[in-house]
Amino acid sequence: IPNLSSLRDHLTDRIRRETLKWPQRMAISIGIARGIQFLH
C-alpha cells in the first residue's frame, strides 16, 4: 500500500484528524467490520 498510514496516525495527527469527520469515521468502521467478517 503506497503512502500507507495507520488509523492511529490519523487520530494523533491534528491535520489528518480534521479530515476524519463523522461520515468518514463510520465508513472506516464499516470497512474494518467487513474485513473481520471476511476472516470469520
ModelCIF file with pLDDT and N, C-alpha, C, O atoms, coordinates in Angstrom:
data_MODEL
#
_entry.id   MODEL 
#
_entity.id                         1 
_entity.type                       polymer 
_entity.pdbx_number_of_molecules   1 
#
_entity_poly.entity_id                      1 
_entity_poly.type                           'polypeptide(L)' 
_entity_poly.nstd_linkage                   no 
_entity_poly.nstd_monomer                   no 
_entity_poly.pdbx_seq_one_letter_code       IPNLSSLRDHLTDRIRRETLKWPQRMAISIGIARGIQFLH 
_entity_poly.pdbx_seq_one_letter_code_can   IPNLSSLRDHLTDRIRRETLKWPQRMAISIGIARGIQFLH 
_entity_poly.pdbx_strand_id                 A 
#
loop_
_entity_poly_seq.entity_id 
_entity_poly_seq.num 
_entity_poly_seq.mon_id 
_entity_poly_seq.hetero 
1 1  ILE n 
1 2  PRO n 
1 3  ASN n 
1 4  LEU n 
1 5  SER n 
1 6  SER n 
1 7  LEU n 
1 8  ARG n 
1 9  ASP n 
1 10 HIS n 
1 11 LEU n 
1 12 THR n 
1 13 ASP n 
1 14 ARG n 
1 15 ILE n 
1 16 ARG n 
1 17 ARG n 
1 18 GLU n 
1 19 THR n 
1 20 LEU n 
1 21 LYS n 
1 22 TRP n 
1 23 PRO n 
1 24 GLN n 
1 25 ARG n 
1 26 MET n 
1 27 ALA n 
1 28 ILE n 
1 29 SER n 
1 30 ILE n 
1 31 GLY n 
1 32 ILE n 
1 33 ALA n 
1 34 ARG n 
1 35 GLY n 
1 36 ILE n 
1 37 GLN n 
1 38 PHE n 
1 39 LEU n 
1 40 HIS n 
#
_struct_asym.id          A 
_struct_asym.entity_id   1 
#
loop_
_ma_qa_metric.id 
_ma_qa_metric.mode 
_ma_qa_metric.name 
_ma_qa_metric.software_group_id 
_ma_qa_metric.type 
1 global pLDDT . pLDDT 
2 local  pLDDT . pLDDT 
#
_ma_qa_metric_global.metric_id      1 
_ma_qa_metric_global.metric_value   91.58 
_ma_qa_metric_global.model_id       1 
_ma_qa_metric_global.ordinal_id     1 
#
loop_
_ma_qa_metric_local.label_asym_id 
_ma_qa_metric_local.label_comp_id 
_ma_qa_metric_local.label_seq_id 
_ma_qa_metric_local.metric_id 
_ma_qa_metric_local.metric_value 
_ma_qa_metric_local.model_id 
_ma_qa_metric_local.ordinal_id 
A ILE 1  2 80.00 1 1  
A PRO 2  2 75.00 1 2  
A ASN 3  2 71.00 1 3  
A LEU 4  2 76.00 1 4  
A SER 5  2 87.00 1 5  
A SER 6  2 92.00 1 6  
A LEU 7  2 95.00 1 7  
A ARG 8  2 94.00 1 8  
A ASP 9  2 93.00 1 9  
A HIS 10 2 93.00 1 10 
A LEU 11 2 93.00 1 11 
A THR 12 2 91.00 1 12 
A ASP 13 2 89.00 1 13 
A ARG 14 2 84.00 1 14 
A ILE 15 2 84.00 1 15 
A ARG 16 2 87.00 1 16 
A ARG 17 2 87.00 1 17 
A GLU 18 2 83.00 1 18 
A THR 19 2 86.00 1 19 
A LEU 20 2 92.00 1 20 
A LYS 21 2 93.00 1 21 
A TRP 22 2 94.00 1 22 
A PRO 23 2 95.00 1 23 
A GLN 24 2 95.00 1 24 
A ARG 25 2 96.00 1 25 
A MET 26 2 97.00 1 26 
A ALA 27 2 97.00 1 27 
A ILE 28 2 97.00 1 28 
A SER 29 2 98.00 1 29 
A ILE 30 2 98.00 1 30 
A GLY 31 2 98.00 1 31 
A ILE 32 2 98.00 1 32 
A ALA 33 2 98.00 1 33 
A ARG 34 2 98.00 1 34 
A GLY 35 2 97.00 1 35 
A ILE 36 2 97.00 1 36 
A GLN 37 2 97.00 1 37 
A PHE 38 2 97.00 1 38 
A LEU 39 2 96.00 1 39 
A HIS 40 2 95.00 1 40 
#
loop_
_atom_site.group_PDB 
_atom_site.id 
_atom_site.type_symbol 
_atom_site.label_atom_id 
_atom_site.label_alt_id 
_atom_site.label_comp_id 
_atom_site.label_asym_id 
_atom_site.label_entity_id 
_atom_site.label_seq_id 
_atom_site.pdbx_PDB_ins_code 
_atom_site.Cartn_x 
_atom_site.Cartn_y 
_atom_site.Cartn_z 
_atom_site.occupancy 
_atom_site.B_iso_or_equiv 
_atom_site.pdbx_formal_charge 
_atom_site.auth_seq_id 
_atom_site.auth_comp_id 
_atom_site.auth_asym_id 
_atom_site.auth_atom_id 
_atom_site.pdbx_PDB_model_num 
ATOM 1   N N  . ILE A 1 1  ? 0.852   -1.185  0.000  1.00 80.00 ? 1  ILE A N  1 
ATOM 2   C CA . ILE A 1 1  ? 0.000   0.000   0.000  1.00 80.00 ? 1  ILE A CA 1 
ATOM 3   C C  . ILE A 1 1  ? 0.885   1.230   0.000  1.00 80.00 ? 1  ILE A C  1 
ATOM 4   O O  . ILE A 1 1  ? 1.562   1.490   0.995  1.00 80.00 ? 1  ILE A O  1 
ATOM 5   N N  . PRO A 1 2  ? 0.904   1.998   -1.084 1.00 75.00 ? 2  PRO A N  1 
ATOM 6   C CA . PRO A 1 2  ? 1.743   3.196   -1.121 1.00 75.00 ? 2  PRO A CA 1 
ATOM 7   C C  . PRO A 1 2  ? 1.222   4.260   -0.163 1.00 75.00 ? 2  PRO A C  1 
ATOM 8   O O  . PRO A 1 2  ? 0.017   4.404   0.043  1.00 75.00 ? 2  PRO A O  1 
ATOM 9   N N  . ASN A 1 3  ? 2.152   4.992   0.409  1.00 71.00 ? 3  ASN A N  1 
ATOM 10  C CA . ASN A 1 3  ? 1.801   6.102   1.312  1.00 71.00 ? 3  ASN A CA 1 
ATOM 11  C C  . ASN A 1 3  ? 0.876   5.643   2.431  1.00 71.00 ? 3  ASN A C  1 
ATOM 12  O O  . ASN A 1 3  ? -0.031  6.368   2.840  1.00 71.00 ? 3  ASN A O  1 
ATOM 13  N N  . LEU A 1 4  ? 1.116   4.437   2.916  1.00 76.00 ? 4  LEU A N  1 
ATOM 14  C CA . LEU A 1 4  ? 0.241   3.904   3.959  1.00 76.00 ? 4  LEU A CA 1 
ATOM 15  C C  . LEU A 1 4  ? 0.380   4.718   5.243  1.00 76.00 ? 4  LEU A C  1 
ATOM 16  O O  . LEU A 1 4  ? 1.441   5.265   5.542  1.00 76.00 ? 4  LEU A O  1 
ATOM 17  N N  . SER A 1 5  ? -0.689  4.779   5.971  1.00 87.00 ? 5  SER A N  1 
ATOM 18  C CA . SER A 1 5  ? -0.680  5.359   7.311  1.00 87.00 ? 5  SER A CA 1 
ATOM 19  C C  . SER A 1 5  ? -1.717  4.615   8.131  1.00 87.00 ? 5  SER A C  1 
ATOM 20  O O  . SER A 1 5  ? -2.713  4.131   7.594  1.00 87.00 ? 5  SER A O  1 
ATOM 21  N N  . SER A 1 6  ? -1.486  4.528   9.405  1.00 92.00 ? 6  SER A N  1 
ATOM 22  C CA . SER A 1 6  ? -2.405  3.791   10.253 1.00 92.00 ? 6  SER A CA 1 
ATOM 23  C C  . SER A 1 6  ? -3.531  4.700   10.737 1.00 92.00 ? 6  SER A C  1 
ATOM 24  O O  . SER A 1 6  ? -3.420  5.926   10.712 1.00 92.00 ? 6  SER A O  1 
ATOM 25  N N  . LEU A 1 7  ? -4.603  4.073   11.174 1.00 95.00 ? 7  LEU A N  1 
ATOM 26  C CA . LEU A 1 7  ? -5.712  4.826   11.757 1.00 95.00 ? 7  LEU A CA 1 
ATOM 27  C C  . LEU A 1 7  ? -5.228  5.577   12.989 1.00 95.00 ? 7  LEU A C  1 
ATOM 28  O O  . LEU A 1 7  ? -5.686  6.685   13.268 1.00 95.00 ? 7  LEU A O  1 
ATOM 29  N N  . ARG A 1 8  ? -4.322  4.984   13.709 1.00 94.00 ? 8  ARG A N  1 
ATOM 30  C CA . ARG A 1 8  ? -3.744  5.658   14.879 1.00 94.00 ? 8  ARG A CA 1 
ATOM 31  C C  . ARG A 1 8  ? -3.049  6.951   14.464 1.00 94.00 ? 8  ARG A C  1 
ATOM 32  O O  . ARG A 1 8  ? -3.191  7.980   15.125 1.00 94.00 ? 8  ARG A O  1 
ATOM 33  N N  . ASP A 1 9  ? -2.295  6.891   13.361 1.00 93.00 ? 9  ASP A N  1 
ATOM 34  C CA . ASP A 1 9  ? -1.609  8.090   12.873 1.00 93.00 ? 9  ASP A CA 1 
ATOM 35  C C  . ASP A 1 9  ? -2.608  9.211   12.587 1.00 93.00 ? 9  ASP A C  1 
ATOM 36  O O  . ASP A 1 9  ? -2.359  10.374  12.905 1.00 93.00 ? 9  ASP A O  1 
ATOM 37  N N  . HIS A 1 10 ? -3.741  8.849   11.983 1.00 93.00 ? 10 HIS A N  1 
ATOM 38  C CA . HIS A 1 10 ? -4.738  9.857   11.635 1.00 93.00 ? 10 HIS A CA 1 
ATOM 39  C C  . HIS A 1 10 ? -5.366  10.480  12.873 1.00 93.00 ? 10 HIS A C  1 
ATOM 40  O O  . HIS A 1 10 ? -5.676  11.671  12.885 1.00 93.00 ? 10 HIS A O  1 
ATOM 41  N N  . LEU A 1 11 ? -5.553  9.684   13.903 1.00 93.00 ? 11 LEU A N  1 
ATOM 42  C CA . LEU A 1 11 ? -6.200  10.225  15.112 1.00 93.00 ? 11 LEU A CA 1 
ATOM 43  C C  . LEU A 1 11 ? -5.246  11.032  15.980 1.00 93.00 ? 11 LEU A C  1 
ATOM 44  O O  . LEU A 1 11 ? -5.689  11.855  16.781 1.00 93.00 ? 11 LEU A O  1 
ATOM 45  N N  . THR A 1 12 ? -3.950  10.813  15.833 1.00 91.00 ? 12 THR A N  1 
ATOM 46  C CA . THR A 1 12 ? -2.983  11.546  16.644 1.00 91.00 ? 12 THR A CA 1 
ATOM 47  C C  . THR A 1 12 ? -2.423  12.773  15.939 1.00 91.00 ? 12 THR A C  1 
ATOM 48  O O  . THR A 1 12 ? -1.863  13.658  16.584 1.00 91.00 ? 12 THR A O  1 
ATOM 49  N N  . ASP A 1 13 ? -2.570  12.832  14.615 1.00 89.00 ? 13 ASP A N  1 
ATOM 50  C CA . ASP A 1 13 ? -2.090  13.988  13.859 1.00 89.00 ? 13 ASP A CA 1 
ATOM 51  C C  . ASP A 1 13 ? -3.234  15.001  13.689 1.00 89.00 ? 13 ASP A C  1 
ATOM 52  O O  . ASP A 1 13 ? -4.293  14.652  13.166 1.00 89.00 ? 13 ASP A O  1 
ATOM 53  N N  . ARG A 1 14 ? -3.032  16.225  14.118 1.00 84.00 ? 14 ARG A N  1 
ATOM 54  C CA . ARG A 1 14 ? -4.109  17.212  14.128 1.00 84.00 ? 14 ARG A CA 1 
ATOM 55  C C  . ARG A 1 14 ? -4.687  17.456  12.745 1.00 84.00 ? 14 ARG A C  1 
ATOM 56  O O  . ARG A 1 14 ? -5.908  17.513  12.597 1.00 84.00 ? 14 ARG A O  1 
ATOM 57  N N  . ILE A 1 15 ? -3.854  17.599  11.738 1.00 84.00 ? 15 ILE A N  1 
ATOM 58  C CA . ILE A 1 15 ? -4.342  17.891  10.385 1.00 84.00 ? 15 ILE A CA 1 
ATOM 59  C C  . ILE A 1 15 ? -5.095  16.695  9.817  1.00 84.00 ? 15 ILE A C  1 
ATOM 60  O O  . ILE A 1 15 ? -6.187  16.850  9.270  1.00 84.00 ? 15 ILE A O  1 
ATOM 61  N N  . ARG A 1 16 ? -4.516  15.501  9.943  1.00 87.00 ? 16 ARG A N  1 
ATOM 62  C CA . ARG A 1 16 ? -5.195  14.300  9.440  1.00 87.00 ? 16 ARG A CA 1 
ATOM 63  C C  . ARG A 1 16 ? -6.506  14.060  10.182 1.00 87.00 ? 16 ARG A C  1 
ATOM 64  O O  . ARG A 1 16 ? -7.496  13.627  9.594  1.00 87.00 ? 16 ARG A O  1 
ATOM 65  N N  . ARG A 1 17 ? -6.495  14.345  11.466 1.00 87.00 ? 17 ARG A N  1 
ATOM 66  C CA . ARG A 1 17 ? -7.686  14.119  12.285 1.00 87.00 ? 17 ARG A CA 1 
ATOM 67  C C  . ARG A 1 17 ? -8.864  14.953  11.794 1.00 87.00 ? 17 ARG A C  1 
ATOM 68  O O  . ARG A 1 17 ? -10.012 14.515  11.853 1.00 87.00 ? 17 ARG A O  1 
ATOM 69  N N  . GLU A 1 18 ? -8.573  16.148  11.313 1.00 83.00 ? 18 GLU A N  1 
ATOM 70  C CA . GLU A 1 18 ? -9.632  17.030  10.828 1.00 83.00 ? 18 GLU A CA 1 
ATOM 71  C C  . GLU A 1 18 ? -10.329 16.462  9.593  1.00 83.00 ? 18 GLU A C  1 
ATOM 72  O O  . GLU A 1 18 ? -11.476 16.811  9.315  1.00 83.00 ? 18 GLU A O  1 
ATOM 73  N N  . THR A 1 19 ? -9.649  15.592  8.853  1.00 86.00 ? 19 THR A N  1 
ATOM 74  C CA . THR A 1 19 ? -10.265 15.002  7.655  1.00 86.00 ? 19 THR A CA 1 
ATOM 75  C C  . THR A 1 19 ? -11.227 13.875  8.021  1.00 86.00 ? 19 THR A C  1 
ATOM 76  O O  . THR A 1 19 ? -12.045 13.461  7.200  1.00 86.00 ? 19 THR A O  1 
ATOM 77  N N  . LEU A 1 20 ? -11.128 13.382  9.248  1.00 92.00 ? 20 LEU A N  1 
ATOM 78  C CA . LEU A 1 20 ? -11.973 12.257  9.672  1.00 92.00 ? 20 LEU A CA 1 
ATOM 79  C C  . LEU A 1 20 ? -13.237 12.777  10.339 1.00 92.00 ? 20 LEU A C  1 
ATOM 80  O O  . LEU A 1 20 ? -13.353 12.742  11.564 1.00 92.00 ? 20 LEU A O  1 
ATOM 81  N N  . LYS A 1 21 ? -14.173 13.253  9.549  1.00 93.00 ? 21 LYS A N  1 
ATOM 82  C CA . LYS A 1 21 ? -15.465 13.677  10.069 1.00 93.00 ? 21 LYS A CA 1 
ATOM 83  C C  . LYS A 1 21 ? -16.288 12.436  10.406 1.00 93.00 ? 21 LYS A C  1 
ATOM 84  O O  . LYS A 1 21 ? -15.853 11.308  10.174 1.00 93.00 ? 21 LYS A O  1 
ATOM 85  N N  . TRP A 1 22 ? -17.481 12.659  10.956 1.00 94.00 ? 22 TRP A N  1 
ATOM 86  C CA . TRP A 1 22 ? -18.291 11.518  11.385 1.00 94.00 ? 22 TRP A CA 1 
ATOM 87  C C  . TRP A 1 22 ? -18.611 10.547  10.244 1.00 94.00 ? 22 TRP A C  1 
ATOM 88  O O  . TRP A 1 22 ? -18.459 9.342   10.441 1.00 94.00 ? 22 TRP A O  1 
ATOM 89  N N  . PRO A 1 23 ? -19.043 10.997  9.072  1.00 95.00 ? 23 PRO A N  1 
ATOM 90  C CA . PRO A 1 23 ? -19.307 10.048  7.979  1.00 95.00 ? 23 PRO A CA 1 
ATOM 91  C C  . PRO A 1 23 ? -18.069 9.244   7.590  1.00 95.00 ? 23 PRO A C  1 
ATOM 92  O O  . PRO A 1 23 ? -18.168 8.052   7.300  1.00 95.00 ? 23 PRO A O  1 
ATOM 93  N N  . GLN A 1 24 ? -16.897 9.896   7.584  1.00 95.00 ? 24 GLN A N  1 
ATOM 94  C CA . GLN A 1 24 ? -15.667 9.176   7.243  1.00 95.00 ? 24 GLN A CA 1 
ATOM 95  C C  . GLN A 1 24 ? -15.337 8.132   8.310  1.00 95.00 ? 24 GLN A C  1 
ATOM 96  O O  . GLN A 1 24 ? -14.880 7.034   7.992  1.00 95.00 ? 24 GLN A O  1 
ATOM 97  N N  . ARG A 1 25 ? -15.568 8.477   9.560  1.00 96.00 ? 25 ARG A N  1 
ATOM 98  C CA . ARG A 1 25 ? -15.268 7.526   10.633 1.00 96.00 ? 25 ARG A CA 1 
ATOM 99  C C  . ARG A 1 25 ? -16.217 6.330   10.594 1.00 96.00 ? 25 ARG A C  1 
ATOM 100 O O  . ARG A 1 25 ? -15.813 5.203   10.883 1.00 96.00 ? 25 ARG A O  1 
ATOM 101 N N  . MET A 1 26 ? -17.465 6.574   10.240 1.00 97.00 ? 26 MET A N  1 
ATOM 102 C CA . MET A 1 26 ? -18.401 5.461   10.126 1.00 97.00 ? 26 MET A CA 1 
ATOM 103 C C  . MET A 1 26 ? -18.032 4.570   8.936  1.00 97.00 ? 26 MET A C  1 
ATOM 104 O O  . MET A 1 26 ? -18.118 3.345   9.025  1.00 97.00 ? 26 MET A O  1 
ATOM 105 N N  . ALA A 1 27 ? -17.623 5.183   7.829  1.00 97.00 ? 27 ALA A N  1 
ATOM 106 C CA . ALA A 1 27 ? -17.220 4.396   6.663  1.00 97.00 ? 27 ALA A CA 1 
ATOM 107 C C  . ALA A 1 27 ? -16.001 3.535   6.992  1.00 97.00 ? 27 ALA A C  1 
ATOM 108 O O  . ALA A 1 27 ? -15.922 2.381   6.570  1.00 97.00 ? 27 ALA A O  1 
ATOM 109 N N  . ILE A 1 28 ? -15.056 4.093   7.741  1.00 97.00 ? 28 ILE A N  1 
ATOM 110 C CA . ILE A 1 28 ? -13.874 3.334   8.152  1.00 97.00 ? 28 ILE A CA 1 
ATOM 111 C C  . ILE A 1 28 ? -14.285 2.189   9.076  1.00 97.00 ? 28 ILE A C  1 
ATOM 112 O O  . ILE A 1 28 ? -13.793 1.070   8.934  1.00 97.00 ? 28 ILE A O  1 
ATOM 113 N N  . SER A 1 29 ? -15.180 2.462   10.014 1.00 98.00 ? 29 SER A N  1 
ATOM 114 C CA . SER A 1 29 ? -15.644 1.424   10.948 1.00 98.00 ? 29 SER A CA 1 
ATOM 115 C C  . SER A 1 29 ? -16.321 0.287   10.206 1.00 98.00 ? 29 SER A C  1 
ATOM 116 O O  . SER A 1 29 ? -16.096 -0.884  10.515 1.00 98.00 ? 29 SER A O  1 
ATOM 117 N N  . ILE A 1 30 ? -17.145 0.626   9.233  1.00 98.00 ? 30 ILE A N  1 
ATOM 118 C CA . ILE A 1 30 ? -17.833 -0.395  8.433  1.00 98.00 ? 30 ILE A CA 1 
ATOM 119 C C  . ILE A 1 30 ? -16.818 -1.237  7.658  1.00 98.00 ? 30 ILE A C  1 
ATOM 120 O O  . ILE A 1 30 ? -16.949 -2.458  7.581  1.00 98.00 ? 30 ILE A O  1 
ATOM 121 N N  . GLY A 1 31 ? -15.821 -0.590  7.093  1.00 98.00 ? 31 GLY A N  1 
ATOM 122 C CA . GLY A 1 31 ? -14.795 -1.316  6.351  1.00 98.00 ? 31 GLY A CA 1 
ATOM 123 C C  . GLY A 1 31 ? -14.023 -2.283  7.230  1.00 98.00 ? 31 GLY A C  1 
ATOM 124 O O  . GLY A 1 31 ? -13.737 -3.409  6.822  1.00 98.00 ? 31 GLY A O  1 
ATOM 125 N N  . ILE A 1 32 ? -13.683 -1.844  8.440  1.00 98.00 ? 32 ILE A N  1 
ATOM 126 C CA . ILE A 1 32 ? -12.985 -2.725  9.378  1.00 98.00 ? 32 ILE A CA 1 
ATOM 127 C C  . ILE A 1 32 ? -13.848 -3.939  9.696  1.00 98.00 ? 32 ILE A C  1 
ATOM 128 O O  . ILE A 1 32 ? -13.370 -5.073  9.684  1.00 98.00 ? 32 ILE A O  1 
ATOM 129 N N  . ALA A 1 33 ? -15.128 -3.691  9.983  1.00 98.00 ? 33 ALA A N  1 
ATOM 130 C CA . ALA A 1 33 ? -16.049 -4.787  10.302 1.00 98.00 ? 33 ALA A CA 1 
ATOM 131 C C  . ALA A 1 33 ? -16.186 -5.756  9.130  1.00 98.00 ? 33 ALA A C  1 
ATOM 132 O O  . ALA A 1 33 ? -16.272 -6.966  9.341  1.00 98.00 ? 33 ALA A O  1 
ATOM 133 N N  . ARG A 1 34 ? -16.208 -5.250  7.914  1.00 98.00 ? 34 ARG A N  1 
ATOM 134 C CA . ARG A 1 34 ? -16.298 -6.123  6.747  1.00 98.00 ? 34 ARG A CA 1 
ATOM 135 C C  . ARG A 1 34 ? -15.050 -6.989  6.603  1.00 98.00 ? 34 ARG A C  1 
ATOM 136 O O  . ARG A 1 34 ? -15.141 -8.163  6.245  1.00 98.00 ? 34 ARG A O  1 
ATOM 137 N N  . GLY A 1 35 ? -13.890 -6.407  6.884  1.00 97.00 ? 35 GLY A N  1 
ATOM 138 C CA . GLY A 1 35 ? -12.667 -7.194  6.828  1.00 97.00 ? 35 GLY A CA 1 
ATOM 139 C C  . GLY A 1 35 ? -12.677 -8.317  7.841  1.00 97.00 ? 35 GLY A C  1 
ATOM 140 O O  . GLY A 1 35 ? -12.272 -9.439  7.538  1.00 97.00 ? 35 GLY A O  1 
ATOM 141 N N  . ILE A 1 36 ? -13.144 -8.017  9.056  1.00 97.00 ? 36 ILE A N  1 
ATOM 142 C CA . ILE A 1 36 ? -13.222 -9.036  10.099 1.00 97.00 ? 36 ILE A CA 1 
ATOM 143 C C  . ILE A 1 36 ? -14.262 -10.090 9.742  1.00 97.00 ? 36 ILE A C  1 
ATOM 144 O O  . ILE A 1 36 ? -14.039 -11.283 9.950  1.00 97.00 ? 36 ILE A O  1 
ATOM 145 N N  . GLN A 1 37 ? -15.398 -9.651  9.205  1.00 97.00 ? 37 GLN A N  1 
ATOM 146 C CA . GLN A 1 37 ? -16.428 -10.604 8.789  1.00 97.00 ? 37 GLN A CA 1 
ATOM 147 C C  . GLN A 1 37 ? -15.879 -11.572 7.746  1.00 97.00 ? 37 GLN A C  1 
ATOM 148 O O  . GLN A 1 37 ? -16.185 -12.764 7.783  1.00 97.00 ? 37 GLN A O  1 
ATOM 149 N N  . PHE A 1 38 ? -15.078 -11.071 6.828  1.00 97.00 ? 38 PHE A N  1 
ATOM 150 C CA . PHE A 1 38 ? -14.493 -11.943 5.816  1.00 97.00 ? 38 PHE A CA 1 
ATOM 151 C C  . PHE A 1 38 ? -13.578 -12.980 6.458  1.00 97.00 ? 38 PHE A C  1 
ATOM 152 O O  . PHE A 1 38 ? -13.611 -14.152 6.083  1.00 97.00 ? 38 PHE A O  1 
ATOM 153 N N  . LEU A 1 39 ? -12.764 -12.559 7.419  1.00 96.00 ? 39 LEU A N  1 
ATOM 154 C CA . LEU A 1 39 ? -11.870 -13.502 8.089  1.00 96.00 ? 39 LEU A CA 1 
ATOM 155 C C  . LEU A 1 39 ? -12.651 -14.566 8.845  1.00 96.00 ? 39 LEU A C  1 
ATOM 156 O O  . LEU A 1 39 ? -12.232 -15.721 8.912  1.00 96.00 ? 39 LEU A O  1 
ATOM 157 N N  . HIS A 1 40 ? -13.793 -14.174 9.417  1.00 95.00 ? 40 HIS A N  1 
ATOM 158 C CA . HIS A 1 40 ? -14.580 -15.118 10.206 1.00 95.00 ? 40 HIS A CA 1 
ATOM 159 C C  . HIS A 1 40 ? -15.408 -16.063 9.338  1.00 95.00 ? 40 HIS A C  1 
ATOM 160 O O  . HIS A 1 40 ? -16.123 -16.916 9.863  1.00 95.00 ? 40 HIS A O  1 
#
